[in-house]
Each structure stands twice: as C-alpha cells, then as structure tokens.
C-alpha cells in the first residue's frame, strides 16, 4: 500500500523522516505507526495487544527511530 498526503494541488508522497507512534485501539489493542515529521502515516501494523505494540515501539527506539510527539494522521 502506498501512503500519500493531500498536497496543495495534488496528492503527494509523505515525507522522508522516520518516526513512530503507538496508536491505541479498542479492547486493549494498539497499532504501531511509522510516520513522517508531520505525522502522515507511512506504514501501520495490525492491531495487536497493547503490550506487544509497546514492545515494538521500544525496539524502534533502540534502533534510533524516535517517537512522534503529536497525533498521527491515519489512512483509515
């Protein structure tokens, strides 16, 4: 799946920055999202138990991919 953002005149690719964010879902589930510096989603995991999403997040932190501080824009 290709994630795009709405540009000024046309659809444009998301930015090159690599950040991540755990997005809470329902019933103690969460998804891990990779996003650009503006919070535009680039990739998203399935919804998994919240503890698993947090584990994935910590793994990305150890690999040097920082957490996005704001709210991500999801493609759903």
N, C-alpha and C. Protein backbone atom coordinates (compact mmCIF):
# COMPACT_ATOMS: atom_id res chain seq x y z
N UNK A 1 0.85 -1.16 0.00
CA UNK A 1 0.00 0.00 0.00
C UNK A 1 0.89 1.23 0.00
N UNK A 2 0.57 2.21 -0.80
CA UNK A 2 1.31 3.46 -0.86
C UNK A 2 0.53 4.51 -0.08
N UNK A 3 1.17 5.13 0.89
CA UNK A 3 0.53 6.17 1.68
C UNK A 3 0.87 7.53 1.07
N UNK A 4 -0.14 8.35 0.90
CA UNK A 4 0.02 9.67 0.32
C UNK A 4 -0.60 10.71 1.23
N UNK A 5 -0.27 11.96 1.02
CA UNK A 5 -0.91 13.05 1.74
C UNK A 5 -1.49 14.01 0.72
N UNK A 6 -2.45 14.76 1.14
CA UNK A 6 -3.08 15.73 0.25
C UNK A 6 -2.19 16.97 0.19
N UNK A 7 -1.68 17.28 -0.99
CA UNK A 7 -0.85 18.46 -1.18
C UNK A 7 -1.69 19.67 -1.56
N UNK A 8 -1.04 20.74 -1.92
CA UNK A 8 -1.76 21.95 -2.28
C UNK A 8 -2.55 21.80 -3.57
N UNK A 9 -1.98 21.10 -4.54
CA UNK A 9 -2.67 20.96 -5.83
C UNK A 9 -2.90 19.52 -6.23
N UNK A 10 -2.28 18.58 -5.55
CA UNK A 10 -2.36 17.18 -5.96
C UNK A 10 -1.95 16.31 -4.78
N UNK A 11 -2.14 15.00 -4.90
CA UNK A 11 -1.67 14.07 -3.89
C UNK A 11 -0.15 13.98 -3.98
N UNK A 12 0.52 14.02 -2.85
CA UNK A 12 1.97 13.99 -2.83
C UNK A 12 2.46 12.93 -1.84
N UNK A 13 3.66 12.39 -2.03
CA UNK A 13 4.19 11.39 -1.10
C UNK A 13 4.41 11.97 0.29
N UNK A 14 4.36 11.11 1.28
CA UNK A 14 4.67 11.55 2.63
C UNK A 14 6.16 11.89 2.72
N UNK A 15 6.55 12.57 3.79
CA UNK A 15 7.94 13.00 3.96
C UNK A 15 8.90 11.84 4.20
N UNK A 16 10.18 12.14 4.14
CA UNK A 16 11.22 11.12 4.27
C UNK A 16 11.58 10.80 5.72
N UNK A 17 11.17 11.64 6.67
CA UNK A 17 11.52 11.40 8.07
C UNK A 17 10.92 10.07 8.53
N UNK A 18 11.58 9.46 9.50
CA UNK A 18 11.11 8.18 10.07
C UNK A 18 10.90 8.34 11.56
N UNK A 19 9.65 8.37 11.96
CA UNK A 19 9.29 8.41 13.37
C UNK A 19 8.24 7.33 13.60
N UNK A 20 7.92 7.06 14.86
CA UNK A 20 6.90 6.06 15.14
C UNK A 20 5.98 6.52 16.25
N UNK A 21 4.83 5.85 16.35
CA UNK A 21 3.86 6.19 17.39
C UNK A 21 2.97 4.98 17.64
N UNK A 22 2.68 4.69 18.89
CA UNK A 22 1.71 3.66 19.25
C UNK A 22 0.34 4.33 19.27
N UNK A 23 -0.59 3.77 18.52
CA UNK A 23 -1.95 4.31 18.43
C UNK A 23 -2.89 3.35 19.15
N UNK A 24 -3.54 3.81 20.23
CA UNK A 24 -4.44 2.92 20.95
C UNK A 24 -5.68 2.59 20.13
N UNK A 25 -6.17 1.38 20.32
CA UNK A 25 -7.40 0.94 19.68
C UNK A 25 -8.42 0.55 20.74
N UNK A 26 -9.29 -0.37 20.40
CA UNK A 26 -10.32 -0.84 21.33
C UNK A 26 -9.87 -2.15 21.97
N UNK A 27 -10.48 -2.46 23.11
CA UNK A 27 -10.27 -3.75 23.78
C UNK A 27 -8.81 -4.06 24.07
N UNK A 28 -8.07 -3.08 24.57
CA UNK A 28 -6.66 -3.24 24.97
C UNK A 28 -5.76 -3.60 23.79
N UNK A 29 -6.13 -3.16 22.59
CA UNK A 29 -5.30 -3.34 21.41
C UNK A 29 -4.68 -2.01 21.01
N UNK A 30 -3.58 -2.07 20.25
CA UNK A 30 -2.92 -0.87 19.75
C UNK A 30 -2.20 -1.24 18.46
N UNK A 31 -1.90 -0.23 17.66
CA UNK A 31 -1.15 -0.41 16.42
C UNK A 31 0.10 0.44 16.50
N UNK A 32 1.13 0.03 15.79
CA UNK A 32 2.35 0.81 15.69
C UNK A 32 2.38 1.45 14.31
N UNK A 33 2.57 2.76 14.27
CA UNK A 33 2.56 3.51 13.02
C UNK A 33 3.94 4.12 12.80
N UNK A 34 4.44 4.00 11.58
CA UNK A 34 5.64 4.72 11.15
C UNK A 34 5.11 5.94 10.40
N UNK A 35 5.65 7.11 10.73
CA UNK A 35 5.14 8.34 10.11
C UNK A 35 6.28 9.30 9.78
N UNK A 36 5.93 10.35 9.04
CA UNK A 36 6.91 11.40 8.73
C UNK A 36 6.85 12.47 9.82
N UNK A 37 7.60 13.54 9.66
CA UNK A 37 7.69 14.60 10.64
C UNK A 37 6.43 15.40 10.84
N UNK A 38 5.47 15.28 9.92
CA UNK A 38 4.18 15.96 10.05
C UNK A 38 3.10 15.02 10.59
N UNK A 39 3.47 13.76 10.87
CA UNK A 39 2.51 12.80 11.40
C UNK A 39 1.75 12.04 10.33
N UNK A 40 2.15 12.18 9.07
CA UNK A 40 1.50 11.44 8.00
C UNK A 40 1.95 9.98 8.05
N UNK A 41 1.01 9.05 8.11
CA UNK A 41 1.33 7.62 8.20
C UNK A 41 2.07 7.15 6.97
N UNK A 42 3.09 6.31 7.21
CA UNK A 42 3.83 5.67 6.12
C UNK A 42 3.57 4.17 6.11
N UNK A 43 3.40 3.60 7.29
CA UNK A 43 3.12 2.17 7.44
C UNK A 43 2.42 1.99 8.78
N UNK A 44 1.64 0.93 8.85
CA UNK A 44 0.88 0.68 10.08
C UNK A 44 0.77 -0.82 10.31
N UNK A 45 1.01 -1.23 11.54
CA UNK A 45 0.87 -2.65 11.88
C UNK A 45 -0.62 -2.98 12.04
N UNK A 46 -0.89 -4.25 12.17
CA UNK A 46 -2.23 -4.67 12.58
C UNK A 46 -2.42 -4.27 14.04
N UNK A 47 -3.66 -4.27 14.50
CA UNK A 47 -3.89 -4.03 15.92
C UNK A 47 -3.52 -5.30 16.69
N UNK A 48 -2.63 -5.13 17.66
CA UNK A 48 -2.10 -6.22 18.47
C UNK A 48 -2.32 -5.86 19.94
N UNK A 49 -2.12 -6.79 20.86
CA UNK A 49 -2.22 -6.41 22.28
C UNK A 49 -1.31 -5.20 22.58
N UNK A 50 -1.82 -4.31 23.39
CA UNK A 50 -1.11 -3.06 23.68
C UNK A 50 0.33 -3.29 24.15
N UNK A 51 0.55 -4.33 24.94
CA UNK A 51 1.90 -4.63 25.43
C UNK A 51 2.84 -4.96 24.27
N UNK A 52 2.33 -5.66 23.27
CA UNK A 52 3.14 -6.02 22.10
C UNK A 52 3.50 -4.76 21.31
N UNK A 53 2.54 -3.85 21.12
CA UNK A 53 2.80 -2.60 20.40
C UNK A 53 3.85 -1.77 21.13
N UNK A 54 3.78 -1.76 22.45
CA UNK A 54 4.77 -1.04 23.25
C UNK A 54 6.14 -1.69 23.12
N UNK A 55 6.17 -3.00 23.06
CA UNK A 55 7.43 -3.73 22.85
C UNK A 55 8.05 -3.35 21.50
N UNK A 56 7.22 -3.32 20.46
CA UNK A 56 7.69 -2.91 19.13
C UNK A 56 8.24 -1.48 19.17
N UNK A 57 7.52 -0.61 19.87
CA UNK A 57 7.93 0.80 19.98
C UNK A 57 9.32 0.91 20.63
N UNK A 58 9.52 0.18 21.71
CA UNK A 58 10.82 0.21 22.39
C UNK A 58 11.93 -0.30 21.49
N UNK A 59 11.62 -1.32 20.69
CA UNK A 59 12.60 -1.86 19.75
C UNK A 59 13.01 -0.80 18.72
N UNK A 60 12.02 -0.05 18.22
CA UNK A 60 12.34 1.01 17.26
C UNK A 60 13.17 2.12 17.90
N UNK A 61 12.86 2.45 19.15
CA UNK A 61 13.64 3.47 19.88
C UNK A 61 15.10 3.04 19.96
N UNK A 62 15.34 1.77 20.28
CA UNK A 62 16.71 1.25 20.38
C UNK A 62 17.44 1.30 19.04
N UNK A 63 16.69 1.26 17.95
CA UNK A 63 17.28 1.33 16.61
C UNK A 63 17.43 2.77 16.12
N UNK A 64 17.10 3.74 16.98
CA UNK A 64 17.29 5.14 16.63
C UNK A 64 16.13 5.79 15.92
N UNK A 65 14.96 5.16 15.93
CA UNK A 65 13.77 5.77 15.32
C UNK A 65 12.96 6.41 16.43
N UNK A 66 12.94 7.75 16.49
CA UNK A 66 12.29 8.43 17.61
C UNK A 66 10.76 8.34 17.55
N UNK A 67 10.16 8.57 18.71
CA UNK A 67 8.70 8.59 18.80
C UNK A 67 8.16 9.93 18.31
N UNK A 68 7.08 9.90 17.56
CA UNK A 68 6.44 11.13 17.09
C UNK A 68 5.67 11.72 18.27
N UNK A 69 5.84 13.02 18.55
CA UNK A 69 5.23 13.61 19.75
C UNK A 69 3.75 13.97 19.61
N UNK A 70 3.26 14.07 18.39
CA UNK A 70 1.88 14.51 18.21
C UNK A 70 0.94 13.39 17.84
N UNK A 71 -0.17 13.78 17.22
CA UNK A 71 -1.16 12.83 16.77
C UNK A 71 -0.93 12.49 15.30
N UNK A 72 -0.87 11.20 14.99
CA UNK A 72 -0.61 10.78 13.62
C UNK A 72 -1.90 10.84 12.78
N UNK A 73 -1.70 11.02 11.48
CA UNK A 73 -2.81 11.04 10.53
C UNK A 73 -2.91 9.64 9.93
N UNK A 74 -3.96 8.94 10.24
CA UNK A 74 -4.13 7.56 9.80
C UNK A 74 -4.86 7.49 8.47
N UNK A 75 -4.55 6.45 7.67
CA UNK A 75 -5.20 6.28 6.37
C UNK A 75 -6.57 5.62 6.48
N UNK A 76 -7.07 5.47 7.69
CA UNK A 76 -8.36 4.79 7.87
C UNK A 76 -9.39 5.73 8.42
